């Protein structure tokens, strides 16, 4: 994947995960448990350090109630600021 595109996606996906998680009142630990990942990795995603793999992105979207388009910043907001 193009390095610039990867960095751009990290800047969008991480904050969108955090916004959607907070909108639902979920802790990082609880969401990490729901999608079967470590809290550390989820935190790194939210801090724009890493991107989720496709399968994990789909699970995150499912549990957070957003579409992949919303999570990737291609359509309507994931809610809250």
N, C-alpha and C. Protein backbone atom coordinates (compact mmCIF):
# COMPACT_ATOMS: atom_id res chain seq x y z
N UNK A 1 0.85 -1.17 0.00
CA UNK A 1 0.00 0.00 0.00
C UNK A 1 0.90 1.23 0.00
N UNK A 2 0.48 2.24 -0.69
CA UNK A 2 1.18 3.51 -0.75
C UNK A 2 1.35 4.08 0.66
N UNK A 3 2.57 4.45 1.01
CA UNK A 3 2.87 4.92 2.36
C UNK A 3 2.06 6.17 2.74
N UNK A 4 1.91 7.08 1.78
CA UNK A 4 1.14 8.30 2.04
C UNK A 4 -0.32 7.97 2.31
N UNK A 5 -0.89 7.05 1.53
CA UNK A 5 -2.27 6.63 1.73
C UNK A 5 -2.43 5.97 3.09
N UNK A 6 -1.49 5.13 3.46
CA UNK A 6 -1.52 4.47 4.77
C UNK A 6 -1.55 5.50 5.88
N UNK A 7 -0.69 6.50 5.80
CA UNK A 7 -0.64 7.54 6.83
C UNK A 7 -1.93 8.34 6.86
N UNK A 8 -2.50 8.64 5.70
CA UNK A 8 -3.77 9.36 5.64
C UNK A 8 -4.89 8.55 6.28
N UNK A 9 -4.91 7.24 6.01
CA UNK A 9 -5.94 6.38 6.60
C UNK A 9 -5.80 6.30 8.12
N UNK A 10 -4.58 6.22 8.61
CA UNK A 10 -4.37 6.19 10.07
C UNK A 10 -4.95 7.43 10.72
N UNK A 11 -4.81 8.58 10.06
CA UNK A 11 -5.30 9.85 10.61
C UNK A 11 -6.81 9.91 10.67
N UNK A 12 -7.47 9.11 9.85
CA UNK A 12 -8.94 9.09 9.81
C UNK A 12 -9.51 7.96 10.66
N UNK A 13 -8.98 6.75 10.47
CA UNK A 13 -9.56 5.57 11.11
C UNK A 13 -9.40 5.63 12.64
N UNK A 14 -8.23 5.97 13.12
CA UNK A 14 -8.00 6.00 14.57
C UNK A 14 -8.98 6.89 15.32
N UNK A 15 -9.08 8.16 14.92
CA UNK A 15 -10.04 9.04 15.58
C UNK A 15 -11.49 8.58 15.42
N UNK A 16 -11.81 7.97 14.27
CA UNK A 16 -13.18 7.49 14.08
C UNK A 16 -13.50 6.31 15.00
N UNK A 17 -12.53 5.45 15.23
CA UNK A 17 -12.74 4.36 16.20
C UNK A 17 -12.99 4.96 17.57
N UNK A 18 -12.14 5.91 17.98
CA UNK A 18 -12.28 6.53 19.30
C UNK A 18 -13.63 7.23 19.45
N UNK A 19 -14.04 8.01 18.44
CA UNK A 19 -15.32 8.73 18.52
C UNK A 19 -16.49 7.76 18.67
N UNK A 20 -16.50 6.72 17.83
CA UNK A 20 -17.60 5.77 17.87
C UNK A 20 -17.61 5.00 19.19
N UNK A 21 -16.44 4.62 19.68
CA UNK A 21 -16.34 3.90 20.95
C UNK A 21 -16.88 4.76 22.10
N UNK A 22 -16.45 6.01 22.13
CA UNK A 22 -16.90 6.91 23.20
C UNK A 22 -18.39 7.20 23.10
N UNK A 23 -18.89 7.33 21.86
CA UNK A 23 -20.33 7.57 21.66
C UNK A 23 -21.15 6.46 22.30
N UNK A 24 -20.62 5.23 22.26
CA UNK A 24 -21.32 4.08 22.84
C UNK A 24 -20.99 3.87 24.31
N UNK A 25 -20.10 4.69 24.85
CA UNK A 25 -19.73 4.57 26.26
C UNK A 25 -18.88 3.34 26.56
N UNK A 26 -18.13 2.89 25.58
CA UNK A 26 -17.29 1.70 25.76
C UNK A 26 -15.87 2.10 26.14
N UNK A 27 -15.28 1.34 27.03
CA UNK A 27 -13.86 1.53 27.33
C UNK A 27 -13.04 0.85 26.24
N UNK A 28 -11.78 1.21 26.15
CA UNK A 28 -10.90 0.51 25.22
C UNK A 28 -10.85 -0.97 25.56
N UNK A 29 -10.77 -1.27 26.83
CA UNK A 29 -10.67 -2.67 27.26
C UNK A 29 -11.89 -3.46 26.82
N UNK A 30 -13.07 -2.88 26.98
CA UNK A 30 -14.30 -3.60 26.61
C UNK A 30 -14.39 -3.82 25.11
N UNK A 31 -14.09 -2.77 24.32
CA UNK A 31 -14.15 -2.93 22.87
C UNK A 31 -13.10 -3.93 22.40
N UNK A 32 -11.91 -3.86 22.97
CA UNK A 32 -10.85 -4.80 22.60
C UNK A 32 -11.30 -6.24 22.87
N UNK A 33 -11.95 -6.43 23.99
CA UNK A 33 -12.46 -7.77 24.33
C UNK A 33 -13.52 -8.21 23.31
N UNK A 34 -14.40 -7.30 22.93
CA UNK A 34 -15.48 -7.63 22.00
C UNK A 34 -14.94 -8.07 20.64
N UNK A 35 -13.86 -7.45 20.19
CA UNK A 35 -13.31 -7.78 18.87
C UNK A 35 -12.08 -8.67 18.96
N UNK A 36 -11.84 -9.19 20.16
CA UNK A 36 -10.77 -10.15 20.40
C UNK A 36 -9.40 -9.65 19.95
N UNK A 37 -9.02 -8.50 20.53
CA UNK A 37 -7.70 -7.94 20.29
C UNK A 37 -7.20 -7.37 21.61
N UNK A 38 -5.93 -7.07 21.66
CA UNK A 38 -5.38 -6.51 22.90
C UNK A 38 -5.74 -5.03 23.01
N UNK A 39 -5.85 -4.57 24.24
CA UNK A 39 -6.11 -3.16 24.50
C UNK A 39 -4.96 -2.32 23.94
N UNK A 40 -3.76 -2.86 24.03
CA UNK A 40 -2.59 -2.14 23.51
C UNK A 40 -2.71 -1.86 22.01
N UNK A 41 -3.12 -2.85 21.25
CA UNK A 41 -3.26 -2.68 19.80
C UNK A 41 -4.38 -1.70 19.49
N UNK A 42 -5.49 -1.81 20.19
CA UNK A 42 -6.60 -0.88 19.98
C UNK A 42 -6.14 0.55 20.29
N UNK A 43 -5.41 0.72 21.36
CA UNK A 43 -4.89 2.03 21.70
C UNK A 43 -3.97 2.59 20.62
N UNK A 44 -3.15 1.73 20.05
CA UNK A 44 -2.25 2.16 18.97
C UNK A 44 -3.04 2.57 17.74
N UNK A 45 -4.16 1.88 17.49
CA UNK A 45 -5.02 2.28 16.37
C UNK A 45 -5.60 3.67 16.62
N UNK A 46 -6.13 3.87 17.82
CA UNK A 46 -6.74 5.15 18.15
C UNK A 46 -5.72 6.29 18.14
N UNK A 47 -4.47 5.98 18.42
CA UNK A 47 -3.41 7.01 18.41
C UNK A 47 -2.76 7.16 17.04
N UNK A 48 -3.38 6.57 16.03
CA UNK A 48 -2.94 6.72 14.64
C UNK A 48 -1.58 6.09 14.36
N UNK A 49 -1.25 5.03 15.08
CA UNK A 49 0.04 4.34 14.89
C UNK A 49 -0.07 3.15 13.94
N UNK A 50 -1.20 2.45 13.97
CA UNK A 50 -1.40 1.27 13.12
C UNK A 50 -2.83 1.25 12.58
N UNK A 51 -3.00 0.53 11.50
CA UNK A 51 -4.33 0.31 10.92
C UNK A 51 -4.80 -1.10 11.23
N UNK A 52 -6.12 -1.28 11.41
CA UNK A 52 -6.62 -2.64 11.60
C UNK A 52 -6.57 -3.40 10.28
N UNK A 53 -6.41 -4.71 10.38
CA UNK A 53 -6.55 -5.56 9.20
C UNK A 53 -8.02 -5.52 8.78
N UNK A 54 -8.26 -5.90 7.54
CA UNK A 54 -9.61 -5.82 6.99
C UNK A 54 -10.64 -6.55 7.86
N UNK A 55 -10.32 -7.76 8.29
CA UNK A 55 -11.27 -8.54 9.09
C UNK A 55 -11.58 -7.82 10.40
N UNK A 56 -10.57 -7.24 11.00
CA UNK A 56 -10.75 -6.52 12.27
C UNK A 56 -11.53 -5.23 12.04
N UNK A 57 -11.29 -4.55 10.92
CA UNK A 57 -12.03 -3.34 10.60
C UNK A 57 -13.52 -3.64 10.49
N UNK A 58 -13.84 -4.75 9.83
CA UNK A 58 -15.25 -5.15 9.68
C UNK A 58 -15.88 -5.42 11.05
N UNK A 59 -15.16 -6.13 11.92
CA UNK A 59 -15.67 -6.38 13.27
C UNK A 59 -15.86 -5.09 14.06
N UNK A 60 -14.88 -4.21 13.98
CA UNK A 60 -15.00 -2.92 14.68
C UNK A 60 -16.23 -2.17 14.20
N UNK A 61 -16.43 -2.12 12.90
CA UNK A 61 -17.60 -1.44 12.34
C UNK A 61 -18.89 -2.06 12.86
N UNK A 62 -18.93 -3.38 12.86
CA UNK A 62 -20.14 -4.10 13.33
C UNK A 62 -20.45 -3.74 14.78
N UNK A 63 -19.46 -3.84 15.66
CA UNK A 63 -19.70 -3.58 17.08
C UNK A 63 -19.91 -2.10 17.37
N UNK A 64 -19.35 -1.22 16.56
CA UNK A 64 -19.49 0.21 16.80
C UNK A 64 -20.69 0.82 16.07
N UNK A 65 -21.36 0.02 15.23
CA UNK A 65 -22.56 0.50 14.55
C UNK A 65 -22.29 1.53 13.46
N UNK A 66 -21.16 1.39 12.77
CA UNK A 66 -20.84 2.29 11.67
C UNK A 66 -20.51 1.46 10.44
N UNK A 67 -20.62 2.07 9.28
CA UNK A 67 -20.27 1.37 8.05
C UNK A 67 -18.77 1.52 7.80
N UNK A 68 -18.20 0.63 7.01
CA UNK A 68 -16.80 0.81 6.64
C UNK A 68 -16.55 2.17 5.97
N UNK A 69 -17.49 2.62 5.14
CA UNK A 69 -17.35 3.95 4.52
C UNK A 69 -17.23 5.04 5.57
N UNK A 70 -18.05 4.96 6.61
CA UNK A 70 -17.97 5.96 7.68
C UNK A 70 -16.64 5.86 8.41
N UNK A 71 -16.21 4.64 8.71
CA UNK A 71 -14.97 4.45 9.44
C UNK A 71 -13.77 4.97 8.65
N UNK A 72 -13.82 4.79 7.33
CA UNK A 72 -12.72 5.22 6.48
C UNK A 72 -12.83 6.69 6.06
N UNK A 73 -13.91 7.36 6.50
CA UNK A 73 -14.07 8.78 6.22
C UNK A 73 -14.63 9.09 4.85
N UNK A 74 -15.29 8.10 4.21
CA UNK A 74 -15.84 8.31 2.88
C UNK A 74 -17.29 8.75 2.88
N UNK A 75 -17.96 8.71 4.04
CA UNK A 75 -19.36 9.13 4.11
C UNK A 75 -19.64 9.73 5.48
N UNK A 76 -20.91 9.84 5.81
CA UNK A 76 -21.39 10.54 7.01
C UNK A 76 -20.57 10.22 8.27
N UNK A 77 -20.60 11.13 9.18
CA UNK A 77 -19.84 11.08 10.44
C UNK A 77 -20.12 9.83 11.26
N UNK A 78 -19.12 9.46 12.09
CA UNK A 78 -19.28 8.35 13.03
C UNK A 78 -19.93 8.83 14.32
N UNK A 79 -20.27 10.11 14.36
CA UNK A 79 -20.97 10.67 15.52
C UNK A 79 -20.06 11.31 16.53
N UNK A 80 -20.59 12.32 17.22
CA UNK A 80 -19.89 12.99 18.29
C UNK A 80 -18.56 13.60 17.89
N UNK A 81 -18.09 14.51 18.71
CA UNK A 81 -16.78 15.14 18.48
C UNK A 81 -15.82 14.82 19.57
